[in-house]
Amino acid sequence: MVEAGLLPADYPVTINAVSGYSGGGRSMIEAHEAGTASAFELYGLGFEHKHLPELQQHAKLTRRPIFVPSVGS
């Protein structure tokens, strides 16, 4: 969107993402397979999620986006 001129590189972007339960890592996989996990759960909300640098780089953003990851069964 930045390259197409639809969004300024410094625009404050938010990303609300939902993945399957395996996206939350080993502990979430174990909880879902044991039947003890919620059907929907937010995680990694410390603004330091491991995918933030690549999201920012590939989107060509100069500001770190607000990333709200979640998992669903």
PDB file of N, CA and C in Angstrom:
ATOM      1  N   MET A   1       0.825  -1.184   0.000  1.00  0.00           N
ATOM      2  CA  MET A   1       0.000   0.000   0.000  1.00  0.00           C
ATOM      3  C   MET A   1       0.870   1.249   0.000  1.00  0.00           C
ATOM      4  N   VAL A   2       2.014   1.180   0.701  1.00  0.00           N
ATOM      5  CA  VAL A   2       2.939   2.310   0.700  1.00  0.00           C
ATOM      6  C   VAL A   2       3.497   2.518  -0.704  1.00  0.00           C
ATOM      7  N   GLU A   3       3.968   1.441  -1.328  1.00  0.00           N
ATOM      8  CA  GLU A   3       4.528   1.550  -2.674  1.00  0.00           C
ATOM      9  C   GLU A   3       3.505   2.058  -3.686  1.00  0.00           C
ATOM     10  N   ALA A   4       2.250   1.713  -3.509  1.00  0.00           N
ATOM     11  CA  ALA A   4       1.193   2.151  -4.424  1.00  0.00           C
ATOM     12  C   ALA A   4       0.741   3.586  -4.153  1.00  0.00           C
ATOM     13  N   GLY A   5       1.268   4.188  -3.077  1.00  0.00           N
ATOM     14  CA  GLY A   5       0.894   5.553  -2.745  1.00  0.00           C
ATOM     15  C   GLY A   5      -0.443   5.674  -2.047  1.00  0.00           C
ATOM     16  N   LEU A   6      -0.989   4.560  -1.559  1.00  0.00           N
ATOM     17  CA  LEU A   6      -2.284   4.570  -0.882  1.00  0.00           C
ATOM     18  C   LEU A   6      -2.167   4.869   0.610  1.00  0.00           C
ATOM     19  N   LEU A   7      -0.966   4.723   1.146  1.00  0.00           N
ATOM     20  CA  LEU A   7      -0.748   4.865   2.577  1.00  0.00           C
ATOM     21  C   LEU A   7       0.619   5.498   2.805  1.00  0.00           C
ATOM     22  N   PRO A   8       0.714   6.563   3.597  1.00  0.00           N
ATOM     23  CA  PRO A   8       2.031   7.126   3.901  1.00  0.00           C
ATOM     24  C   PRO A   8       2.838   6.131   4.737  1.00  0.00           C
ATOM     25  N   ALA A   9       4.139   6.086   4.542  1.00  0.00           N
ATOM     26  CA  ALA A   9       5.014   5.144   5.257  1.00  0.00           C
ATOM     27  C   ALA A   9       4.963   5.337   6.763  1.00  0.00           C
ATOM     28  N   ASP A  10       4.610   6.531   7.229  1.00  0.00           N
ATOM     29  CA  ASP A  10       4.571   6.791   8.675  1.00  0.00           C
ATOM     30  C   ASP A  10       3.159   6.725   9.257  1.00  0.00           C
ATOM     31  N   TYR A  11       2.209   6.175   8.497  1.00  0.00           N
ATOM     32  CA  TYR A  11       0.831   6.071   8.967  1.00  0.00           C
ATOM     33  C   TYR A  11       0.739   5.101  10.138  1.00  0.00           C
ATOM     34  N   PRO A  12      -0.038   5.411  11.184  1.00  0.00           N
ATOM     35  CA  PRO A  12      -0.163   4.505  12.336  1.00  0.00           C
ATOM     36  C   PRO A  12      -1.075   3.312  12.021  1.00  0.00           C
ATOM     37  N   VAL A  13      -0.472   2.194  11.681  1.00  0.00           N
ATOM     38  CA  VAL A  13      -1.201   1.000  11.253  1.00  0.00           C
ATOM     39  C   VAL A  13      -1.464   0.070  12.433  1.00  0.00           C
ATOM     40  N   THR A  14      -2.650  -0.523  12.465  1.00  0.00           N
ATOM     41  CA  THR A  14      -2.946  -1.580  13.429  1.00  0.00           C
ATOM     42  C   THR A  14      -3.294  -2.852  12.660  1.00  0.00           C
ATOM     43  N   ILE A  15      -2.864  -3.982  13.213  1.00  0.00           N
ATOM     44  CA  ILE A  15      -3.107  -5.274  12.580  1.00  0.00           C
ATOM     45  C   ILE A  15      -3.744  -6.193  13.616  1.00  0.00           C
ATOM     46  N   ASN A  16      -4.959  -6.607  13.362  1.00  0.00           N
ATOM     47  CA  ASN A  16      -5.650  -7.573  14.206  1.00  0.00           C
ATOM     48  C   ASN A  16      -5.619  -8.906  13.470  1.00  0.00           C
ATOM     49  N   ALA A  17      -4.813  -9.834  13.963  1.00  0.00           N
ATOM     50  CA  ALA A  17      -4.587 -11.085  13.250  1.00  0.00           C
ATOM     51  C   ALA A  17      -5.117 -12.278  14.039  1.00  0.00           C
ATOM     52  N   VAL A  18      -5.715 -13.221  13.328  1.00  0.00           N
ATOM     53  CA  VAL A  18      -6.198 -14.455  13.938  1.00  0.00           C
ATOM     54  C   VAL A  18      -5.585 -15.628  13.182  1.00  0.00           C
ATOM     55  N   SER A  19      -4.978 -16.548  13.905  1.00  0.00           N
ATOM     56  CA  SER A  19      -4.455 -17.759  13.289  1.00  0.00           C
ATOM     57  C   SER A  19      -5.064 -18.961  13.996  1.00  0.00           C
ATOM     58  N   GLY A  20      -4.814 -20.126  13.438  1.00  0.00           N
ATOM     59  CA  GLY A  20      -5.212 -21.354  14.113  1.00  0.00           C
ATOM     60  C   GLY A  20      -4.395 -21.513  15.381  1.00  0.00           C
ATOM     61  N   TYR A  21      -4.812 -22.409  16.259  1.00  0.00           N
ATOM     62  CA  TYR A  21      -4.168 -22.505  17.570  1.00  0.00           C
ATOM     63  C   TYR A  21      -2.689 -22.842  17.506  1.00  0.00           C
ATOM     64  N   SER A  22      -2.220 -23.436  16.418  1.00  0.00           N
ATOM     65  CA  SER A  22      -0.786 -23.745  16.336  1.00  0.00           C
ATOM     66  C   SER A  22       0.059 -22.485  16.203  1.00  0.00           C
ATOM     67  N   GLY A  23      -0.564 -21.362  15.823  1.00  0.00           N
ATOM     68  CA  GLY A  23       0.159 -20.108  15.695  1.00  0.00           C
ATOM     69  C   GLY A  23       0.618 -19.536  17.017  1.00  0.00           C
ATOM     70  N   GLY A  24       0.055 -19.999  18.122  1.00  0.00           N
ATOM     71  CA  GLY A  24       0.400 -19.465  19.435  1.00  0.00           C
ATOM     72  C   GLY A  24       1.554 -20.176  20.106  1.00  0.00           C
ATOM     73  N   GLY A  25       2.129 -21.156  19.460  1.00  0.00           N
ATOM     74  CA  GLY A  25       3.286 -21.843  20.028  1.00  0.00           C
ATOM     75  C   GLY A  25       2.922 -23.107  20.788  1.00  0.00           C
ATOM     76  N   ARG A  26       3.951 -23.715  21.306  1.00  0.00           N
ATOM     77  CA  ARG A  26       3.843 -25.041  21.925  1.00  0.00           C
ATOM     78  C   ARG A  26       2.840 -25.126  23.070  1.00  0.00           C
ATOM     79  N   SER A  27       2.872 -24.160  23.977  1.00  0.00           N
ATOM     80  CA  SER A  27       1.953 -24.241  25.124  1.00  0.00           C
ATOM     81  C   SER A  27       0.492 -24.130  24.692  1.00  0.00           C
ATOM     82  N   MET A  28       0.227 -23.289  23.692  1.00  0.00           N
ATOM     83  CA  MET A  28      -1.152 -23.167  23.198  1.00  0.00           C
ATOM     84  C   MET A  28      -1.573 -24.429  22.452  1.00  0.00           C
ATOM     85  N   ILE A  29      -0.660 -25.029  21.700  1.00  0.00           N
ATOM     86  CA  ILE A  29      -0.970 -26.286  21.008  1.00  0.00           C
ATOM     87  C   ILE A  29      -1.343 -27.350  22.025  1.00  0.00           C
ATOM     88  N   GLU A  30      -0.542 -27.471  23.083  1.00  0.00           N
ATOM     89  CA  GLU A  30      -0.808 -28.476  24.118  1.00  0.00           C
ATOM     90  C   GLU A  30      -2.151 -28.222  24.801  1.00  0.00           C
ATOM     91  N   ALA A  31      -2.457 -26.965  25.095  1.00  0.00           N
ATOM     92  CA  ALA A  31      -3.731 -26.638  25.755  1.00  0.00           C
ATOM     93  C   ALA A  31      -4.915 -26.963  24.855  1.00  0.00           C
ATOM     94  N   HIS A  32      -4.817 -26.659  23.571  1.00  0.00           N
ATOM     95  CA  HIS A  32      -5.920 -26.949  22.652  1.00  0.00           C
ATOM     96  C   HIS A  32      -6.101 -28.454  22.475  1.00  0.00           C
ATOM     97  N   GLU A  33      -4.987 -29.168  22.363  1.00  0.00           N
ATOM     98  CA  GLU A  33      -5.091 -30.615  22.190  1.00  0.00           C
ATOM     99  C   GLU A  33      -5.605 -31.305  23.450  1.00  0.00           C
ATOM    100  N   ALA A  34      -5.361 -30.704  24.610  1.00  0.00           N
ATOM    101  CA  ALA A  34      -5.862 -31.259  25.867  1.00  0.00           C
ATOM    102  C   ALA A  34      -7.313 -30.847  26.136  1.00  0.00           C
ATOM    103  N   GLY A  35      -7.822 -29.906  25.328  1.00  0.00           N
ATOM    104  CA  GLY A  35      -9.193 -29.445  25.514  1.00  0.00           C
ATOM    105  C   GLY A  35      -9.355 -28.432  26.632  1.00  0.00           C
ATOM    106  N   THR A  36      -8.268 -27.814  27.078  1.00  0.00           N
ATOM    107  CA  THR A  36      -8.344 -26.858  28.189  1.00  0.00           C
ATOM    108  C   THR A  36      -8.231 -25.403  27.743  1.00  0.00           C
ATOM    109  N   ALA A  37      -8.058 -25.161  26.455  1.00  0.00           N
ATOM    110  CA  ALA A  37      -7.863 -23.797  25.953  1.00  0.00           C
ATOM    111  C   ALA A  37      -9.193 -23.134  25.613  1.00  0.00           C
ATOM    112  N   SER A  38      -9.172 -21.821  25.596  1.00  0.00           N
ATOM    113  CA  SER A  38     -10.333 -21.047  25.152  1.00  0.00           C
ATOM    114  C   SER A  38     -10.511 -21.233  23.654  1.00  0.00           C
ATOM    115  N   ALA A  39     -11.705 -20.999  23.165  1.00  0.00           N
ATOM    116  CA  ALA A  39     -11.961 -21.082  21.724  1.00  0.00           C
ATOM    117  C   ALA A  39     -11.292 -19.923  20.986  1.00  0.00           C
ATOM    118  N   PHE A  40     -11.048 -18.822  21.689  1.00  0.00           N
ATOM    119  CA  PHE A  40     -10.398 -17.634  21.119  1.00  0.00           C
ATOM    120  C   PHE A  40      -9.558 -16.997  22.211  1.00  0.00           C
ATOM    121  N   GLU A  41      -8.326 -16.605  21.861  1.00  0.00           N
ATOM    122  CA  GLU A  41      -7.433 -16.036  22.876  1.00  0.00           C
ATOM    123  C   GLU A  41      -6.443 -15.067  22.241  1.00  0.00           C
ATOM    124  N   LEU A  42      -6.276 -13.905  22.885  1.00  0.00           N
ATOM    125  CA  LEU A  42      -5.241 -12.956  22.493  1.00  0.00           C
ATOM    126  C   LEU A  42      -3.937 -13.381  23.146  1.00  0.00           C
ATOM    127  N   TYR A  43      -2.806 -13.061  22.515  1.00  0.00           N
ATOM    128  CA  TYR A  43      -1.517 -13.377  23.115  1.00  0.00           C
ATOM    129  C   TYR A  43      -0.460 -12.412  22.578  1.00  0.00           C
ATOM    130  N   GLY A  44       0.719 -12.420  23.184  1.00  0.00           N
ATOM    131  CA  GLY A  44       1.854 -11.630  22.703  1.00  0.00           C
ATOM    132  C   GLY A  44       1.552 -10.149  22.598  1.00  0.00           C
ATOM    133  N   LEU A  45       0.950  -9.574  23.614  1.00  0.00           N
ATOM    134  CA  LEU A  45       0.509  -8.183  23.541  1.00  0.00           C
ATOM    135  C   LEU A  45       1.517  -7.188  24.102  1.00  0.00           C
ATOM    136  N   GLY A  46       2.773  -7.583  24.228  1.00  0.00           N
ATOM    137  CA  GLY A  46       3.793  -6.694  24.791  1.00  0.00           C
ATOM    138  C   GLY A  46       4.432  -5.761  23.785  1.00  0.00           C
ATOM    139  N   PHE A  47       3.893  -5.630  22.591  1.00  0.00           N
ATOM    140  CA  PHE A  47       4.423  -4.771  21.532  1.00  0.00           C
ATOM    141  C   PHE A  47       5.837  -5.151  21.100  1.00  0.00           C
ATOM    142  N   GLU A  48       6.249  -6.380  21.384  1.00  0.00           N
ATOM    143  CA  GLU A  48       7.555  -6.874  20.969  1.00  0.00           C
ATOM    144  C   GLU A  48       7.401  -8.227  20.278  1.00  0.00           C
ATOM    145  N   HIS A  49       6.299  -8.455  19.614  1.00  0.00           N
ATOM    146  CA  HIS A  49       6.047  -9.740  18.958  1.00  0.00           C
ATOM    147  C   HIS A  49       7.144 -10.034  17.944  1.00  0.00           C
ATOM    148  N   LYS A  50       7.521 -11.286  17.815  1.00  0.00           N
ATOM    149  CA  LYS A  50       8.650 -11.672  16.955  1.00  0.00           C
ATOM    150  C   LYS A  50       8.434 -11.339  15.478  1.00  0.00           C
ATOM    151  N   HIS A  51       7.199 -11.172  15.040  1.00  0.00           N
ATOM    152  CA  HIS A  51       6.942 -10.883  13.629  1.00  0.00           C
ATOM    153  C   HIS A  51       6.853  -9.385  13.317  1.00  0.00           C
ATOM    154  N   LEU A  52       6.929  -8.531  14.333  1.00  0.00           N
ATOM    155  CA  LEU A  52       6.821  -7.092  14.077  1.00  0.00           C
ATOM    156  C   LEU A  52       7.899  -6.555  13.139  1.00  0.00           C
ATOM    157  N   PRO A  53       9.174  -6.908  13.325  1.00  0.00           N
ATOM    158  CA  PRO A  53      10.188  -6.369  12.410  1.00  0.00           C
ATOM    159  C   PRO A  53       9.937  -6.739  10.942  1.00  0.00           C
ATOM    160  N   GLU A  54       9.529  -7.978  10.677  1.00  0.00           N
ATOM    161  CA  GLU A  54       9.288  -8.365   9.286  1.00  0.00           C
ATOM    162  C   GLU A  54       8.022  -7.713   8.737  1.00  0.00           C
ATOM    163  N   LEU A  55       6.992  -7.553   9.578  1.00  0.00           N
ATOM    164  CA  LEU A  55       5.792  -6.844   9.129  1.00  0.00           C
ATOM    165  C   LEU A  55       6.143  -5.422   8.710  1.00  0.00           C
ATOM    166  N   GLN A  56       6.914  -4.745   9.546  1.00  0.00           N
ATOM    167  CA  GLN A  56       7.299  -3.372   9.263  1.00  0.00           C
ATOM    168  C   GLN A  56       8.162  -3.295   7.999  1.00  0.00           C
ATOM    169  N   GLN A  57       9.100  -4.203   7.862  1.00  0.00           N
ATOM    170  CA  GLN A  57       9.993  -4.196   6.711  1.00  0.00           C
ATOM    171  C   GLN A  57       9.242  -4.456   5.399  1.00  0.00           C
ATOM    172  N   HIS A  58       8.445  -5.502   5.362  1.00  0.00           N
ATOM    173  CA  HIS A  58       7.760  -5.865   4.117  1.00  0.00           C
ATOM    174  C   HIS A  58       6.667  -4.867   3.739  1.00  0.00           C
ATOM    175  N   ALA A  59       6.071  -4.227   4.741  1.00  0.00           N
ATOM    176  CA  ALA A  59       5.046  -3.223   4.461  1.00  0.00           C
ATOM    177  C   ALA A  59       5.657  -1.858   4.165  1.00  0.00           C
ATOM    178  N   LYS A  60       6.982  -1.746   4.365  1.00  0.00           N
ATOM    179  CA  LYS A  60       7.716  -0.498   4.139  1.00  0.00           C
ATOM    180  C   LYS A  60       7.208   0.633   5.026  1.00  0.00           C
ATOM    181  N   LEU A  61       6.909   0.288   6.282  1.00  0.00           N
ATOM    182  CA  LEU A  61       6.444   1.268   7.256  1.00  0.00           C
ATOM    183  C   LEU A  61       7.621   1.832   8.035  1.00  0.00           C
ATOM    184  N   THR A  62       7.586   3.117   8.306  1.00  0.00           N
ATOM    185  CA  THR A  62       8.643   3.721   9.115  1.00  0.00           C
ATOM    186  C   THR A  62       8.293   3.687  10.601  1.00  0.00           C
ATOM    187  N   ARG A  63       7.041   3.428  10.916  1.00  0.00           N
ATOM    188  CA  ARG A  63       6.583   3.297  12.311  1.00  0.00           C
ATOM    189  C   ARG A  63       6.209   1.850  12.560  1.00  0.00           C
ATOM    190  N   ARG A  64       6.492   1.385  13.755  1.00  0.00           N
ATOM    191  CA  ARG A  64       6.113   0.017  14.120  1.00  0.00           C
ATOM    192  C   ARG A  64       4.589  -0.075  14.208  1.00  0.00           C
ATOM    193  N   PRO A  65       3.989  -1.056  13.540  1.00  0.00           N
ATOM    194  CA  PRO A  65       2.528  -1.187  13.637  1.00  0.00           C
ATOM    195  C   PRO A  65       2.122  -1.749  15.002  1.00  0.00           C
ATOM    196  N   ILE A  66       0.902  -1.484  15.389  1.00  0.00           N
ATOM    197  CA  ILE A  66       0.337  -2.123  16.584  1.00  0.00           C
ATOM    198  C   ILE A  66      -0.217  -3.465  16.120  1.00  0.00           C
ATOM    199  N   PHE A  67       0.332  -4.534  16.663  1.00  0.00           N
ATOM    200  CA  PHE A  67      -0.004  -5.889  16.231  1.00  0.00           C
ATOM    201  C   PHE A  67      -0.724  -6.617  17.364  1.00  0.00           C
ATOM    202  N   VAL A  68      -1.941  -7.062  17.094  1.00  0.00           N
ATOM    203  CA  VAL A  68      -2.752  -7.755  18.086  1.00  0.00           C
ATOM    204  C   VAL A  68      -2.975  -9.181  17.590  1.00  0.00           C
ATOM    205  N   PRO A  69      -2.068 -10.125  17.956  1.00  0.00           N
ATOM    206  CA  PRO A  69      -2.235 -11.498  17.504  1.00  0.00           C
ATOM    207  C   PRO A  69      -3.221 -12.258  18.380  1.00  0.00           C
ATOM    208  N   SER A  70      -3.904 -13.198  17.778  1.00  0.00           N
ATOM    209  CA  SER A  70      -4.839 -14.038  18.512  1.00  0.00           C
ATOM    210  C   SER A  70      -4.895 -15.410  17.848  1.00  0.00           C
ATOM    211  N   VAL A  71      -5.428 -16.375  18.585  1.00  0.00           N
ATOM    212  CA  VAL A  71      -5.605 -17.711  18.043  1.00  0.00           C
ATOM    213  C   VAL A  71      -7.042 -18.163  18.277  1.00  0.00           C
ATOM    214  N   GLY A  72      -7.511 -19.005  17.380  1.00  0.00           N
ATOM    215  CA  GLY A  72      -8.847 -19.571  17.514  1.00  0.00           C
ATOM    216  C   GLY A  72      -8.797 -21.048  17.215  1.00  0.00           C
ATOM    217  N   SER A  73      -9.723 -21.763  17.795  1.00  0.00           N
ATOM    218  CA  SER A  73      -9.733 -23.212  17.548  1.00  0.00           C
ATOM    219  C   SER A  73     -10.433 -23.529  16.244  1.00  0.00           C
TER     220      SER A  73
END
